[in-house]
């Protein structure tokens, strides 16, 4: 006789009942509870829920092959009830993200006149589908229930999910829903670009601009920019010169800062809004360490050694948005043991560090980096952070501070560690003083990581490999992967970013080369012999490990 092994189901009714109770108590979805505490993968969980609820499953790629029927179930109600009605081959399908919503079935029977077969879809996949649909619909449709009206309290507009729609004009709804959606998408910037007869809306997510939608109408573009100006207390009549401002809104009980830049263009005006969620940043900084930033262990050890020096200067360089300030905050947080006086001067102070005196630059009142730094030196500091060296005066004072027994953390804009030398030379800084004060330079970039929910092995073409500076023999050592795009990553294939670093440690040979104004080639050769790994190599190491794609490495670093 042959005995058949009985496989115990991954999910049973008792677990499901317990998860539903926890979901109601925590006000989250049952799927979220089971993924967090049950250890289920998204695919396995959907299969088990489908089996228990007797519902077929719809995958992410299937959603985009179906035609939504918004005439029967509007886009607004679809978002509210977390379900969407599709038509396929003359039959109706109802894709449901949360089948445990109270009274969902009775609501569907009352609201939808057609008979539809219920399908189960992962909530993240459904959210990604809605996000793509929102490109042209979200801000224009009645997205939100009209239970409350938007209001202003203490100059801060409330953009909670239930307070955007009612009582506001079409333009205000467009602006408010864009702000809300951008924050929800964890975008760092919103770009509103005026095109001929239209307004393009883009988000910068994980450092990359993503097109969200195009709204037709020249008048609409002008009215949207005017609305942004009103919120930022700018001159709505002035359309010929750039303007800068800021405003705050309240989203789900937390204050969000928006820094606004208005720029005239040939078609009208463009606006860029930088989003700053101070509470999220504070949560991120609390307990912040270099390990959390994604550096490899060798880079972490070197940066920690530079941060522990008794005096000298640690320079971090890179383009805007490369994480320079966050890296310095992490380094300072690790060395801040309470026995040193640590003072920073920043423009602006992005988040607060406990036990650290932080001074905001105020150029209108005459408090520049240089003037503030002079005052700091009279305040008996042990360690100083200068947010950015922008001019020769600030550079000279920072170098003097490093030479007189202080440890100085600072940043400067340059493409790599060797360009920093040229920047200080062009400022007229004495090379001998500069290299005497300098302990090391860290150049960094942020590299997008592949989404682990949709990553697949995929080798690039031989042509692309060779164009990337990799021989076909070397390519055999790489683990080439790409992200297909799913609900977890909003279809981008990437989720989150990690830092890579190029570190130049100063030894006697490199100091002599800099003082003698040797060529960058000679300095690079000496740096390599001293153990410096260049940014390109650090990026390709991430590709080798399968953490990011070759396309991302090529986007972030220059092919040598």
Protein backbone atom coordinates (compact mmCIF):
# COMPACT_ATOMS: atom_id res chain seq x y z
CA UNK A 1 0.00 0.00 0.00
CA UNK A 2 1.17 3.49 -0.77
CA UNK A 3 0.63 6.12 1.89
CA UNK A 4 0.11 9.66 0.70
CA UNK A 5 1.61 12.50 2.74
CA UNK A 6 -1.00 14.98 3.86
CA UNK A 7 0.18 18.57 3.53
CA UNK A 8 -1.10 20.77 6.30
CA UNK A 9 -2.60 23.97 4.86
CA UNK A 10 -0.62 27.14 5.45
CA UNK A 11 -3.68 28.99 6.67
CA UNK A 12 -6.68 27.72 8.59
CA UNK A 13 -9.95 29.31 9.68
CA UNK A 14 -8.76 29.79 13.26
CA UNK A 15 -5.76 31.82 12.07
CA UNK A 16 -7.99 33.80 9.77
CA UNK A 17 -10.44 34.61 12.56
CA UNK A 18 -7.62 35.72 14.86
CA UNK A 19 -6.13 37.87 12.09
CA UNK A 20 -9.49 39.54 11.47
CA UNK A 21 -9.76 40.42 15.16
CA UNK A 22 -6.26 41.92 15.17
CA UNK A 23 -6.98 43.82 11.96
CA UNK A 24 -10.10 45.42 13.45
CA UNK A 25 -8.21 46.36 16.62
CA UNK A 26 -5.23 47.82 14.76
CA UNK A 27 -7.34 49.31 11.93
CA UNK A 28 -5.28 47.65 9.22
CA UNK A 29 -6.09 44.98 6.65
CA UNK A 30 -6.21 41.26 7.37
CA UNK A 31 -3.65 40.75 4.62
CA UNK A 32 -1.25 43.11 6.42
CA UNK A 33 -1.66 41.21 9.70
CA UNK A 34 -1.03 37.84 8.08
CA UNK A 35 2.04 39.10 6.20
CA UNK A 36 3.50 40.78 9.28
CA UNK A 37 2.85 38.08 11.85
CA UNK A 38 2.07 34.94 9.90
CA UNK A 39 5.22 34.94 7.82
CA UNK A 40 3.33 34.41 4.55
CA UNK A 41 4.75 35.55 1.23
CA UNK A 42 2.32 37.66 -0.83
CA UNK A 43 1.87 34.86 -3.40
CA UNK A 44 1.32 32.07 -0.85
CA UNK A 45 -1.04 34.23 1.19
CA UNK A 46 -3.23 35.03 -1.82
CA UNK A 47 -3.38 31.35 -2.75
CA UNK A 48 -4.43 30.35 0.77
CA UNK A 49 -7.01 33.13 1.11
CA UNK A 50 -8.43 32.21 -2.28
CA UNK A 51 -8.72 28.59 -1.18
CA UNK A 52 -10.44 29.43 2.12
CA UNK A 53 -12.78 32.05 0.61
CA UNK A 54 -13.42 30.07 -2.59
CA UNK A 55 -12.28 33.03 -4.71
CA UNK A 56 -10.02 32.89 -7.81
CA UNK A 57 -6.89 35.06 -7.83
CA UNK A 58 -5.99 37.96 -10.13
CA UNK A 59 -2.29 38.76 -10.48
CA UNK A 60 -0.76 42.17 -11.14
CA UNK A 61 -0.04 41.48 -14.80
CA UNK A 62 -3.64 40.32 -15.37
CA UNK A 63 -5.09 43.57 -14.01
CA UNK A 64 -3.61 45.56 -16.87
CA UNK A 65 -5.13 43.29 -19.51
CA UNK A 66 -8.68 43.94 -18.27
CA UNK A 67 -10.97 46.85 -19.05
CA UNK A 68 -12.37 48.68 -15.97
CA UNK A 69 -16.06 49.56 -16.05
CA UNK A 70 -16.25 52.93 -14.29
CA UNK A 71 -19.73 53.61 -15.65
CA UNK A 72 -21.03 50.97 -13.24
CA UNK A 73 -18.57 51.41 -10.36
CA UNK A 74 -16.97 54.88 -10.36
CA UNK A 75 -13.28 55.37 -9.81
CA UNK A 76 -14.04 57.26 -6.59
CA UNK A 77 -16.08 54.39 -5.13
CA UNK A 78 -13.51 51.87 -6.38
CA UNK A 79 -10.81 53.54 -4.27
CA UNK A 80 -13.09 53.92 -1.26
CA UNK A 81 -14.27 50.28 -1.29
CA UNK A 82 -10.94 48.83 -2.49
CA UNK A 83 -12.50 46.97 -5.40
CA UNK A 84 -12.80 47.56 -9.12
CA UNK A 85 -15.21 46.18 -11.72
CA UNK A 86 -13.81 44.73 -14.95
CA UNK A 87 -15.33 43.28 -18.10
CA UNK A 88 -13.83 40.32 -19.96
CA UNK A 89 -15.44 38.43 -22.83
CA UNK A 90 -18.84 39.86 -21.95
CA UNK A 91 -18.60 38.79 -18.30
CA UNK A 92 -18.09 41.04 -15.27
CA UNK A 93 -15.29 40.51 -12.74
CA UNK A 94 -15.05 42.28 -9.39
CA UNK A 95 -11.43 42.46 -8.17
CA UNK A 96 -11.47 42.83 -4.38
CA UNK A 97 -8.43 43.90 -2.37
CA UNK A 98 -9.99 43.56 1.10
CA UNK A 99 -12.89 41.08 1.14
CA UNK A 100 -13.19 41.56 4.91
CA UNK A 101 -14.43 45.15 4.75
CA UNK A 102 -17.61 45.40 6.83
CA UNK A 103 -20.83 45.26 4.78
CA UNK A 104 -18.86 45.06 1.53
CA UNK A 105 -21.00 42.33 0.01
CA UNK A 106 -24.30 44.04 0.83
CA UNK A 107 -22.93 47.34 -0.53
CA UNK A 108 -21.87 45.67 -3.79
CA UNK A 109 -25.28 44.05 -4.20
CA UNK A 110 -27.02 47.38 -3.69
CA UNK A 111 -24.63 49.59 -5.67
CA UNK A 112 -23.73 47.41 -8.68
CA UNK A 113 -26.60 46.39 -10.91
CA UNK A 114 -24.68 43.74 -12.89
CA UNK A 115 -23.80 40.25 -11.64
CA UNK A 116 -20.06 39.82 -11.28
CA UNK A 117 -17.78 36.99 -10.21
CA UNK A 118 -15.59 37.95 -7.27
CA UNK A 119 -11.81 37.73 -7.65
CA UNK A 120 -9.16 38.25 -4.98
CA UNK A 121 -6.25 40.62 -5.68
CA UNK A 122 -3.38 41.59 -3.39
CA UNK A 123 -4.03 45.06 -1.86
CA UNK A 124 -0.59 46.27 -2.99
CA UNK A 125 -1.27 45.19 -6.56
CA UNK A 126 -4.64 46.95 -6.46
CA UNK A 127 -2.96 50.09 -5.07
CA UNK A 128 -0.46 50.02 -7.93
CA UNK A 129 -3.31 49.69 -10.43
CA UNK A 130 -5.10 52.66 -8.87
CA UNK A 131 -1.86 54.68 -8.91
CA UNK A 132 -1.53 54.18 -12.65
CA UNK A 133 -5.19 55.01 -13.20
CA UNK A 134 -4.77 58.15 -11.11
CA UNK A 135 -2.39 59.56 -13.68
CA UNK A 136 -5.33 61.04 -15.54
CA UNK A 137 -8.29 60.50 -13.23
CA UNK A 138 -7.62 60.87 -9.51
CA UNK A 139 -7.46 64.65 -9.32
CA UNK A 140 -10.36 65.10 -11.75
CA UNK A 141 -12.93 62.67 -10.34
CA UNK A 142 -14.84 62.60 -7.10
CA UNK A 143 -12.12 60.54 -5.45
CA UNK A 144 -13.05 61.11 -1.87
CA UNK A 145 -16.19 60.83 0.23
CA UNK A 146 -17.78 64.18 1.00
CA UNK A 147 -18.19 63.78 4.74
CA UNK A 148 -16.09 66.73 5.85
CA UNK A 149 -14.88 69.97 4.37
CA UNK A 150 -11.28 71.08 4.01
CA UNK A 151 -10.30 73.71 6.55
CA UNK A 152 -7.38 75.84 7.62
CA UNK A 153 -6.16 75.88 11.22
CA UNK A 154 -3.20 77.99 12.37
CA UNK A 155 -2.33 78.62 8.72
CA UNK A 156 -1.97 74.89 8.01
CA UNK A 157 -4.41 73.34 5.56
CA UNK A 158 -5.76 69.91 6.48
CA UNK A 159 -5.35 67.44 3.61
CA UNK A 160 -6.65 64.37 5.38
CA UNK A 161 -8.18 61.79 3.08
CA UNK A 162 -11.73 62.80 3.96
CA UNK A 163 -11.24 66.58 3.83
CA UNK A 164 -9.91 67.25 0.33
CA UNK A 165 -12.96 67.15 -1.88
CA UNK A 166 -16.06 68.87 -0.56
CA UNK A 167 -16.42 72.62 -0.74
CA UNK A 168 -13.40 73.26 -2.95
CA UNK A 169 -12.97 74.23 -6.57
CA UNK A 170 -11.77 71.98 -9.34
CA UNK A 171 -8.26 73.54 -9.22
CA UNK A 172 -7.98 73.28 -5.44
CA UNK A 173 -8.98 69.61 -5.60
CA UNK A 174 -6.29 69.01 -8.20
CA UNK A 175 -3.58 70.68 -6.09
CA UNK A 176 -4.64 69.09 -2.82
CA UNK A 177 -4.99 65.57 -4.18
CA UNK A 178 -1.59 65.90 -5.89
CA UNK A 179 0.04 66.91 -2.58
CA UNK A 180 -1.69 64.05 -0.79
CA UNK A 181 -0.80 61.44 -3.39
CA UNK A 182 2.84 62.58 -3.64
CA UNK A 183 3.28 62.28 0.11
CA UNK A 184 1.65 58.86 0.11
CA UNK A 185 3.97 57.78 -2.70
CA UNK A 186 7.02 58.87 -0.62
CA UNK A 187 8.07 61.30 -3.34
CA UNK A 188 10.79 63.83 -2.49
CA UNK A 189 9.67 66.43 -5.05
CA UNK A 190 6.63 67.37 -7.14
CA UNK A 191 7.25 68.90 -10.57
CA UNK A 192 4.42 70.89 -12.19
CA UNK A 193 5.52 71.65 -15.75
CA UNK A 194 3.56 73.91 -18.08
CA UNK A 195 3.49 72.53 -21.62
CA UNK A 196 1.66 73.89 -24.70
CA UNK A 197 -1.99 73.69 -23.68
CA UNK A 198 -1.42 71.32 -20.75
CA UNK A 199 0.10 70.77 -17.29
CA UNK A 200 2.42 67.80 -16.70
CA UNK A 201 2.67 66.40 -13.17
CA UNK A 202 5.76 64.43 -12.17
CA UNK A 203 7.06 62.96 -8.90
CA UNK A 204 10.67 62.30 -7.96
CA UNK A 205 10.65 58.90 -6.26
CA UNK A 206 13.93 57.28 -5.16
CA UNK A 207 15.78 59.99 -7.06
CA UNK A 208 14.07 59.40 -10.42
CA UNK A 209 11.40 61.57 -12.07
CA UNK A 210 8.19 59.66 -12.80
CA UNK A 211 5.41 61.00 -15.03
CA UNK A 212 2.12 60.92 -13.13
CA UNK A 213 -0.21 62.54 -15.62
CA UNK A 214 -0.98 65.34 -18.04
CA UNK A 215 -3.94 67.68 -17.45
CA UNK A 216 -5.18 69.44 -20.58
CA UNK A 217 -5.85 73.18 -20.59
CA UNK A 218 -3.69 76.32 -20.57
CA UNK A 219 -6.02 78.04 -18.10
CA UNK A 220 -5.80 75.05 -15.76
CA UNK A 221 -1.98 75.23 -15.72
CA UNK A 222 -2.06 78.94 -14.86
CA UNK A 223 -4.65 78.44 -12.13
CA UNK A 224 -2.71 75.57 -10.54
CA UNK A 225 0.49 77.62 -10.40
CA UNK A 226 -1.49 80.55 -8.98
CA UNK A 227 -2.94 78.28 -6.31
CA UNK A 228 0.58 77.15 -5.33
CA UNK A 229 1.62 80.83 -5.13
CA UNK A 230 -1.31 81.68 -2.87
CA UNK A 231 -0.45 78.81 -0.53
CA UNK A 232 3.21 79.97 -0.48
CA UNK A 233 2.33 83.65 0.05
CA UNK A 234 3.97 84.66 -3.25
CA UNK A 235 3.07 87.37 -5.77
CA UNK A 236 0.50 85.87 -8.15
CA UNK A 237 0.79 88.85 -10.53
CA UNK A 238 4.54 88.40 -11.06
CA UNK A 239 5.21 85.88 -13.82
CA UNK A 240 8.54 87.06 -15.25
CA UNK A 241 11.03 86.35 -12.45
CA UNK A 242 11.69 83.28 -10.25
CA UNK A 243 10.08 83.15 -6.81
CA UNK A 244 10.76 80.98 -3.76
CA UNK A 245 8.46 80.25 -0.87
CA UNK A 246 7.14 77.58 1.45
CA UNK A 247 3.93 76.39 3.08
CA UNK A 248 2.70 73.69 5.45
CA UNK A 249 -0.19 71.25 5.28
CA UNK A 250 -1.51 68.64 7.68
CA UNK A 251 -1.78 65.12 6.31
CA UNK A 252 -3.18 62.45 8.60
CA UNK A 253 -2.37 64.51 11.68
CA UNK A 254 1.26 65.30 10.82
CA UNK A 255 2.65 68.59 9.55
CA UNK A 256 4.35 68.40 6.15
CA UNK A 257 6.56 71.22 4.88
CA UNK A 258 6.67 72.11 1.18
CA UNK A 259 9.45 74.32 -0.21
CA UNK A 260 8.35 75.96 -3.44
CA UNK A 261 10.36 77.19 -6.43
CA UNK A 262 8.50 79.00 -9.22
CA UNK A 263 10.36 79.46 -12.51
CA UNK A 264 9.17 81.29 -15.67
CA UNK A 265 9.25 79.28 -18.90
CA UNK A 266 8.35 79.90 -22.54
CA UNK A 267 4.90 78.37 -21.99
CA UNK A 268 4.11 80.02 -18.65
CA UNK A 269 5.54 79.02 -15.29
CA UNK A 270 6.83 75.77 -13.78
CA UNK A 271 6.78 74.87 -10.08
CA UNK A 272 8.89 72.42 -8.07
CA UNK A 273 7.75 71.50 -4.56
CA UNK A 274 10.26 69.82 -2.22
CA UNK A 275 8.44 67.65 0.34
CA UNK A 276 9.85 67.57 3.87
CA UNK A 277 8.13 65.28 6.36
CA UNK A 278 9.95 66.27 9.54
CA UNK A 279 8.25 63.62 11.66
CA UNK A 280 9.30 60.85 9.26
CA UNK A 281 12.84 62.27 9.20
CA UNK A 282 12.90 62.43 13.00
CA UNK A 283 11.74 58.81 13.20
CA UNK A 284 14.47 57.92 10.70
CA UNK A 285 17.21 59.79 12.59
CA UNK A 286 16.29 58.32 15.98
CA UNK A 287 18.90 55.65 16.51
CA UNK A 288 20.39 56.38 13.06
CA UNK A 289 23.62 54.51 12.31
CA UNK A 290 25.83 54.12 9.27
CA UNK A 291 24.65 50.51 8.92
CA UNK A 292 21.12 51.71 8.14
CA UNK A 293 22.30 53.74 5.15
CA UNK A 294 23.36 50.67 3.19
CA UNK A 295 27.12 51.25 2.97
CA UNK A 296 29.22 48.10 2.67
CA UNK A 297 31.15 47.04 5.77
CA UNK A 298 34.52 48.31 4.50
CA UNK A 299 33.14 51.80 3.89
CA UNK A 300 31.38 51.82 7.27
CA UNK A 301 34.60 50.90 9.09
CA UNK A 302 36.56 53.63 7.29
CA UNK A 303 33.95 56.35 7.90
CA UNK A 304 33.74 55.36 11.58
CA UNK A 305 37.52 55.64 11.86
CA UNK A 306 37.46 59.11 10.30
CA UNK A 307 34.61 60.15 12.61
CA UNK A 308 36.56 59.05 15.68
CA UNK A 309 39.64 61.20 14.94
CA UNK A 310 40.38 63.79 17.67
CA UNK A 311 40.76 66.64 15.16
CA UNK A 312 40.88 67.34 11.44
CA UNK A 313 38.26 67.49 8.71
CA UNK A 314 35.92 64.86 7.23
CA UNK A 315 34.50 66.01 3.89
CA UNK A 316 31.47 64.36 2.30
CA UNK A 317 30.76 65.21 -1.32
CA UNK A 318 28.18 64.37 -3.96
CA UNK A 319 25.34 66.00 -5.91
CA UNK A 320 22.15 67.34 -4.36
CA UNK A 321 20.01 64.53 -2.95
CA UNK A 322 22.84 62.02 -2.62
CA UNK A 323 22.43 61.67 1.16
CA UNK A 324 25.47 63.70 2.30
CA UNK A 325 23.76 65.33 5.29
CA UNK A 326 22.14 62.07 6.39
CA UNK A 327 25.55 60.35 6.36
CA UNK A 328 27.03 63.11 8.53
CA UNK A 329 24.07 62.88 10.91
CA UNK A 330 24.64 59.13 11.19
CA UNK A 331 28.34 59.63 11.87
CA UNK A 332 27.65 62.32 14.48
CA UNK A 333 24.94 60.19 16.14
CA UNK A 334 27.42 57.35 16.55
CA UNK A 335 30.15 59.50 18.15
CA UNK A 336 27.75 61.53 20.28
CA UNK A 337 28.25 59.88 23.65
CA UNK A 338 27.50 62.99 25.71
CA UNK A 339 31.10 63.88 26.60
CA UNK A 340 31.74 66.25 23.68
CA UNK A 341 30.28 69.63 22.81
CA UNK A 342 28.87 69.20 19.29
CA UNK A 343 27.62 72.23 17.36
CA UNK A 344 26.21 72.33 13.83
CA UNK A 345 25.37 75.20 11.47
CA UNK A 346 22.97 74.20 8.69
CA UNK A 347 20.75 75.64 5.96
CA UNK A 348 18.15 74.50 6.81
CA UNK A 349 18.08 72.22 9.87
CA UNK A 350 16.30 69.21 8.43
CA UNK A 351 15.87 67.30 11.68
CA UNK A 352 16.95 67.58 15.27
CA UNK A 353 19.80 65.66 16.85
CA UNK A 354 19.45 65.06 20.61
CA UNK A 355 22.22 66.62 22.69
CA UNK A 356 23.53 68.69 19.75
CA UNK A 357 23.40 72.49 19.45
CA UNK A 358 22.06 73.20 15.95
CA UNK A 359 22.16 76.70 14.45
CA UNK A 360 20.10 77.62 11.37
CA UNK A 361 21.64 79.90 8.75
CA UNK A 362 19.67 83.13 8.31
CA UNK A 363 21.26 85.19 5.54
CA UNK A 364 18.51 87.83 5.68
CA UNK A 365 19.58 88.59 9.25
CA UNK A 366 23.27 88.35 8.40
CA UNK A 367 23.89 84.89 9.89
CA UNK A 368 25.92 83.21 7.14
CA UNK A 369 27.93 80.01 7.36
CA UNK A 370 31.15 82.03 7.80
CA UNK A 371 29.78 84.35 10.50
CA UNK A 372 28.09 81.51 12.36
CA UNK A 373 31.23 79.39 12.22
CA UNK A 374 33.30 82.20 13.77
CA UNK A 375 30.81 82.42 16.63
CA UNK A 376 30.79 78.65 17.08
CA UNK A 377 34.56 78.64 17.63
CA UNK A 378 34.06 80.96 20.62
CA UNK A 379 31.48 78.57 22.08
CA UNK A 380 34.04 75.92 23.15
CA UNK A 381 33.06 73.11 20.73
CA UNK A 382 34.77 69.72 20.38
CA UNK A 383 33.12 68.72 17.12
CA UNK A 384 31.59 71.00 14.49
CA UNK A 385 29.37 70.27 11.51
CA UNK A 386 29.21 72.85 8.72
CA UNK A 387 26.22 72.05 6.50
CA UNK A 388 27.97 73.11 3.29
CA UNK A 389 31.14 74.94 2.26
CA UNK A 390 30.00 77.41 -0.40
CA UNK A 391 32.72 80.07 -0.43
CA UNK A 392 36.37 80.70 0.32
CA UNK A 393 35.69 82.46 3.65
CA UNK A 394 33.78 79.49 5.07
CA UNK A 395 36.44 77.11 3.75
CA UNK A 396 39.26 79.06 5.42
CA UNK A 397 37.51 79.20 8.79
CA UNK A 398 36.60 75.47 8.67
CA UNK A 399 40.21 74.57 7.86
CA UNK A 400 41.50 76.77 10.71
CA UNK A 401 39.04 75.06 13.07
CA UNK A 402 40.32 71.64 11.98
CA UNK A 403 43.93 72.77 12.47
CA UNK A 404 43.27 74.10 15.98
CA UNK A 405 42.09 70.88 17.57
CA UNK A 406 38.46 70.54 16.42
CA UNK A 407 36.93 67.70 14.42
CA UNK A 408 35.01 69.29 11.53
CA UNK A 409 32.31 67.47 9.56
CA UNK A 410 31.25 69.22 6.36
CA UNK A 411 30.00 68.80 2.80
CA UNK A 412 30.86 70.31 -0.55
CA UNK A 413 29.32 69.84 -4.00
CA UNK A 414 31.61 67.83 -6.30
CA UNK A 415 31.28 64.76 -8.49
CA UNK A 416 34.00 62.65 -6.83
CA UNK A 417 36.75 62.85 -4.22
CA UNK A 418 39.30 64.18 -6.71
CA UNK A 419 37.08 67.04 -7.91
CA UNK A 420 37.00 68.29 -4.31
CA UNK A 421 40.69 69.15 -4.60
CA UNK A 422 39.93 71.37 -7.60
CA UNK A 423 36.99 73.03 -5.83
CA UNK A 424 39.14 74.14 -2.90
CA UNK A 425 41.94 75.19 -5.24
CA UNK A 426 39.53 77.43 -7.19
CA UNK A 427 38.40 78.98 -3.90
CA UNK A 428 41.98 80.14 -3.36
CA UNK A 429 42.56 77.92 -0.31
CA UNK A 430 46.20 77.32 0.59
CA UNK A 431 46.94 73.69 -0.46
CA UNK A 432 49.28 73.07 2.48
CA UNK A 433 46.70 74.14 5.07
CA UNK A 434 43.99 72.18 3.26
CA UNK A 435 45.84 68.84 3.20
CA UNK A 436 47.12 69.37 6.76
CA UNK A 437 43.57 69.72 8.03
CA UNK A 438 41.99 67.04 5.86
CA UNK A 439 41.64 63.48 7.21
CA UNK A 440 39.59 62.05 4.38
CA UNK A 441 37.00 62.65 1.67
CA UNK A 442 33.88 60.54 1.13
CA UNK A 443 32.03 60.78 -2.20
CA UNK A 444 28.68 59.01 -2.20
CA UNK A 445 25.66 58.19 -4.34
CA UNK A 446 22.31 56.55 -3.67
CA UNK A 447 21.62 53.43 -5.75
CA UNK A 448 18.08 52.09 -6.12
CA UNK A 449 17.66 48.53 -4.91
CA UNK A 450 15.67 45.95 -6.86
CA UNK A 451 12.21 45.20 -5.52
CA UNK A 452 12.42 41.78 -3.93
CA UNK A 453 8.76 41.08 -4.72
CA UNK A 454 9.19 41.17 -8.51
CA UNK A 455 12.92 40.64 -9.13
CA UNK A 456 13.90 38.12 -11.83
CA UNK A 457 17.18 36.99 -13.35
CA UNK A 458 17.76 38.62 -16.72
CA UNK A 459 21.06 39.00 -18.53
CA UNK A 460 21.50 42.25 -20.52
CA UNK A 461 22.54 42.13 -24.15
CA UNK A 462 26.23 41.61 -24.91
CA UNK A 463 26.26 45.08 -26.46
CA UNK A 464 25.02 46.72 -23.26
CA UNK A 465 27.50 44.74 -21.15
CA UNK A 466 30.42 45.87 -23.32
CA UNK A 467 29.16 49.48 -23.37
CA UNK A 468 29.13 49.32 -19.56
CA UNK A 469 32.86 48.63 -19.53
CA UNK A 470 32.50 44.95 -18.62
CA UNK A 471 34.10 42.22 -20.69
CA UNK A 472 32.03 39.17 -21.55
CA UNK A 473 34.43 37.06 -19.46
CA UNK A 474 33.93 39.33 -16.45
CA UNK A 475 30.16 39.22 -17.00
CA UNK A 476 30.14 35.56 -15.94
CA UNK A 477 30.87 36.73 -12.38
CA UNK A 478 27.79 38.97 -12.26
CA UNK A 479 24.31 38.15 -10.99
CA UNK A 480 22.29 40.21 -13.46
CA UNK A 481 18.73 40.87 -12.28
CA UNK A 482 15.90 43.30 -13.01
CA UNK A 483 12.61 44.20 -11.35
CA UNK A 484 9.51 43.49 -13.42
CA UNK A 485 7.32 45.96 -11.51
CA UNK A 486 4.56 45.13 -9.03
CA UNK A 487 2.25 46.68 -6.48
CA UNK A 488 4.97 46.85 -3.85
CA UNK A 489 7.11 49.19 -5.99
CA UNK A 490 4.39 51.04 -7.96
CA UNK A 491 5.51 49.24 -11.09
CA UNK A 492 9.05 50.70 -11.06
CA UNK A 493 10.95 47.49 -10.30
CA UNK A 494 12.89 49.23 -7.52
CA UNK A 495 12.15 49.76 -3.84
CA UNK A 496 14.41 51.79 -1.57
CA UNK A 497 17.97 53.04 -2.00
CA UNK A 498 21.34 52.21 -0.48
CA UNK A 499 24.48 54.33 -0.35
CA UNK A 500 27.73 53.56 -2.14
CA UNK A 501 30.97 55.37 -1.34
CA UNK A 502 34.35 56.33 -2.76
CA UNK A 503 36.75 57.20 0.07
CA UNK A 504 40.08 59.00 -0.21
CA UNK A 505 42.30 58.67 2.86
CA UNK A 506 45.12 61.19 3.07
CA UNK A 507 48.63 59.77 3.51
CA UNK A 508 51.98 61.53 3.12
CA UNK A 509 52.32 60.61 -0.56
CA UNK A 510 48.87 61.95 -1.51
CA UNK A 511 49.43 65.10 0.56
CA UNK A 512 52.70 65.77 -1.27
CA UNK A 513 51.05 65.22 -4.65
CA UNK A 514 48.26 67.70 -3.84
CA UNK A 515 50.68 70.35 -2.54
CA UNK A 516 52.87 69.98 -5.64
CA UNK A 517 49.74 70.28 -7.82
CA UNK A 518 50.26 66.90 -9.46
CA UNK A 519 47.86 65.73 -12.15
CA UNK A 520 44.61 64.06 -11.12
CA UNK A 521 45.81 60.90 -12.89
CA UNK A 522 48.83 60.63 -10.57
CA UNK A 523 46.69 61.31 -7.51
CA UNK A 524 44.21 58.62 -8.64
CA UNK A 525 47.02 56.09 -9.08
CA UNK A 526 48.33 56.84 -5.60
CA UNK A 527 44.80 56.63 -4.17
CA UNK A 528 44.20 53.24 -5.76
CA UNK A 529 47.46 51.94 -4.32
CA UNK A 530 46.27 53.27 -0.95
CA UNK A 531 43.07 51.19 -1.21
CA UNK A 532 40.56 53.65 -2.69
CA UNK A 533 37.70 51.96 -4.51
CA UNK A 534 36.03 54.22 -7.06
CA UNK A 535 32.27 54.88 -7.23
CA UNK A 536 31.90 52.92 -10.47
CA UNK A 537 33.46 49.85 -8.88
CA UNK A 538 31.21 50.16 -5.83
CA UNK A 539 28.12 50.34 -8.07
CA UNK A 540 29.18 47.31 -10.14
CA UNK A 541 29.75 45.34 -6.93
CA UNK A 542 26.05 45.85 -6.16
CA UNK A 543 25.22 44.50 -9.63
CA UNK A 544 27.48 41.48 -9.03
CA UNK A 545 25.60 40.76 -5.80
CA UNK A 546 22.22 41.00 -7.55
CA UNK A 547 21.12 43.95 -5.40
CA UNK A 548 20.61 46.37 -8.29
CA UNK A 549 20.49 46.33 -12.07
CA UNK A 550 23.21 47.19 -14.55
CA UNK A 551 20.91 49.93 -15.91
CA UNK A 552 20.80 51.54 -12.45
CA UNK A 553 24.58 51.36 -12.06
CA UNK A 554 24.97 53.08 -15.45
CA UNK A 555 22.45 55.75 -14.45
CA UNK A 556 24.20 56.62 -11.20
CA UNK A 557 27.88 56.33 -12.14
CA UNK A 558 29.97 57.18 -15.18
CA UNK A 559 31.41 54.36 -17.28
CA UNK A 560 35.19 54.71 -17.00
